[in-house]
Amino acid sequence: MGKNVYSSETKWAVVKAKMAGELTTNEIMEKYGIKNKSQIATWVR
């Protein structure tokens, strides 16, 4: 199983959407193709 590499632009877009409360975690995962909720939490931290 390979690692997914996300661009810095994607990471910033995810963090901004999450911090602003624009999208739920599940909506972010669907929109950006992120497979794991913990990945989003790590970026936000």
N, C-alpha and C. Protein backbone atom coordinates (compact mmCIF):
# COMPACT_ATOMS: atom_id res chain seq x y z
N MET A 1 0.84 -1.18 0.00
CA MET A 1 0.00 0.00 0.00
C MET A 1 0.89 1.24 0.00
N GLY A 2 0.69 2.13 -0.98
CA GLY A 2 1.52 3.33 -1.09
C GLY A 2 0.96 4.47 -0.27
N LYS A 3 1.82 5.43 -0.05
CA LYS A 3 1.40 6.62 0.68
C LYS A 3 0.78 7.62 -0.27
N ASN A 4 -0.25 8.32 0.21
CA ASN A 4 -0.81 9.43 -0.55
C ASN A 4 0.00 10.67 -0.22
N VAL A 5 0.34 11.41 -1.25
CA VAL A 5 1.06 12.66 -1.06
C VAL A 5 0.13 13.79 -1.46
N TYR A 6 -0.14 14.67 -0.51
CA TYR A 6 -1.04 15.78 -0.76
C TYR A 6 -0.23 17.06 -0.93
N SER A 7 -0.62 17.90 -1.87
CA SER A 7 0.09 19.15 -2.09
C SER A 7 -0.13 20.10 -0.92
N SER A 8 0.76 21.03 -0.78
CA SER A 8 0.62 22.00 0.31
C SER A 8 -0.64 22.85 0.11
N GLU A 9 -1.03 23.08 -1.15
CA GLU A 9 -2.25 23.83 -1.42
C GLU A 9 -3.48 23.08 -0.90
N THR A 10 -3.49 21.76 -1.11
CA THR A 10 -4.59 20.94 -0.62
C THR A 10 -4.64 20.97 0.90
N LYS A 11 -3.49 20.83 1.53
CA LYS A 11 -3.43 20.83 2.99
C LYS A 11 -3.97 22.15 3.55
N TRP A 12 -3.53 23.28 2.98
CA TRP A 12 -3.99 24.58 3.47
C TRP A 12 -5.48 24.76 3.24
N ALA A 13 -5.99 24.30 2.10
CA ALA A 13 -7.42 24.42 1.81
C ALA A 13 -8.23 23.62 2.82
N VAL A 14 -7.74 22.42 3.16
CA VAL A 14 -8.42 21.57 4.13
C VAL A 14 -8.41 22.23 5.51
N VAL A 15 -7.27 22.72 5.94
CA VAL A 15 -7.16 23.36 7.26
C VAL A 15 -8.06 24.59 7.34
N LYS A 16 -8.05 25.42 6.29
CA LYS A 16 -8.90 26.62 6.30
C LYS A 16 -10.37 26.26 6.35
N ALA A 17 -10.78 25.25 5.57
CA ALA A 17 -12.19 24.84 5.57
C ALA A 17 -12.60 24.30 6.93
N LYS A 18 -11.72 23.54 7.54
CA LYS A 18 -12.03 22.94 8.85
C LYS A 18 -12.09 24.02 9.93
N MET A 19 -11.11 24.91 9.96
CA MET A 19 -11.07 25.95 10.99
C MET A 19 -12.23 26.93 10.86
N ALA A 20 -12.65 27.20 9.63
CA ALA A 20 -13.75 28.14 9.40
C ALA A 20 -15.10 27.48 9.64
N GLY A 21 -15.11 26.17 9.76
CA GLY A 21 -16.36 25.46 9.97
C GLY A 21 -17.21 25.38 8.72
N GLU A 22 -16.59 25.59 7.55
CA GLU A 22 -17.33 25.57 6.29
C GLU A 22 -17.85 24.17 5.95
N LEU A 23 -17.04 23.16 6.23
CA LEU A 23 -17.38 21.79 5.86
C LEU A 23 -17.16 20.87 7.05
N THR A 24 -17.91 19.78 7.08
CA THR A 24 -17.66 18.77 8.10
C THR A 24 -16.46 17.94 7.68
N THR A 25 -15.93 17.16 8.60
CA THR A 25 -14.79 16.31 8.29
C THR A 25 -15.12 15.35 7.15
N ASN A 26 -16.30 14.77 7.19
CA ASN A 26 -16.67 13.84 6.13
C ASN A 26 -16.80 14.54 4.78
N GLU A 27 -17.31 15.75 4.76
CA GLU A 27 -17.41 16.50 3.51
C GLU A 27 -16.03 16.84 2.97
N ILE A 28 -15.11 17.20 3.86
CA ILE A 28 -13.74 17.49 3.45
C ILE A 28 -13.09 16.24 2.86
N MET A 29 -13.28 15.10 3.53
CA MET A 29 -12.70 13.85 3.05
C MET A 29 -13.20 13.52 1.65
N GLU A 30 -14.50 13.71 1.42
CA GLU A 30 -15.08 13.42 0.12
C GLU A 30 -14.58 14.40 -0.95
N LYS A 31 -14.56 15.68 -0.62
CA LYS A 31 -14.19 16.72 -1.59
C LYS A 31 -12.72 16.61 -2.02
N TYR A 32 -11.84 16.34 -1.06
CA TYR A 32 -10.40 16.33 -1.36
C TYR A 32 -9.82 14.93 -1.52
N GLY A 33 -10.64 13.91 -1.37
CA GLY A 33 -10.16 12.54 -1.57
C GLY A 33 -9.24 12.05 -0.48
N ILE A 34 -9.46 12.51 0.75
CA ILE A 34 -8.64 12.09 1.89
C ILE A 34 -9.28 10.85 2.50
N LYS A 35 -8.47 9.85 2.78
CA LYS A 35 -9.01 8.57 3.19
C LYS A 35 -9.13 8.39 4.71
N ASN A 36 -8.46 9.23 5.50
CA ASN A 36 -8.43 9.01 6.93
C ASN A 36 -8.68 10.31 7.69
N LYS A 37 -9.59 10.26 8.66
CA LYS A 37 -9.91 11.45 9.46
C LYS A 37 -8.71 11.96 10.25
N SER A 38 -7.86 11.06 10.68
CA SER A 38 -6.71 11.48 11.49
C SER A 38 -5.74 12.35 10.69
N GLN A 39 -5.72 12.18 9.38
CA GLN A 39 -4.85 13.02 8.54
C GLN A 39 -5.27 14.48 8.64
N ILE A 40 -6.56 14.73 8.62
CA ILE A 40 -7.06 16.09 8.75
C ILE A 40 -6.72 16.67 10.11
N ALA A 41 -6.92 15.86 11.15
CA ALA A 41 -6.61 16.33 12.52
C ALA A 41 -5.13 16.67 12.65
N THR A 42 -4.27 15.89 12.02
CA THR A 42 -2.83 16.15 12.08
C THR A 42 -2.50 17.49 11.42
N TRP A 43 -3.07 17.74 10.27
CA TRP A 43 -2.82 19.01 9.58
C TRP A 43 -3.32 20.19 10.38
N VAL A 44 -4.48 20.05 11.01
CA VAL A 44 -5.06 21.15 11.79
C VAL A 44 -4.19 21.45 13.00
N ARG A 45 -3.66 20.39 13.61
CA ARG A 45 -2.78 20.58 14.77
C ARG A 45 -1.56 21.36 14.37
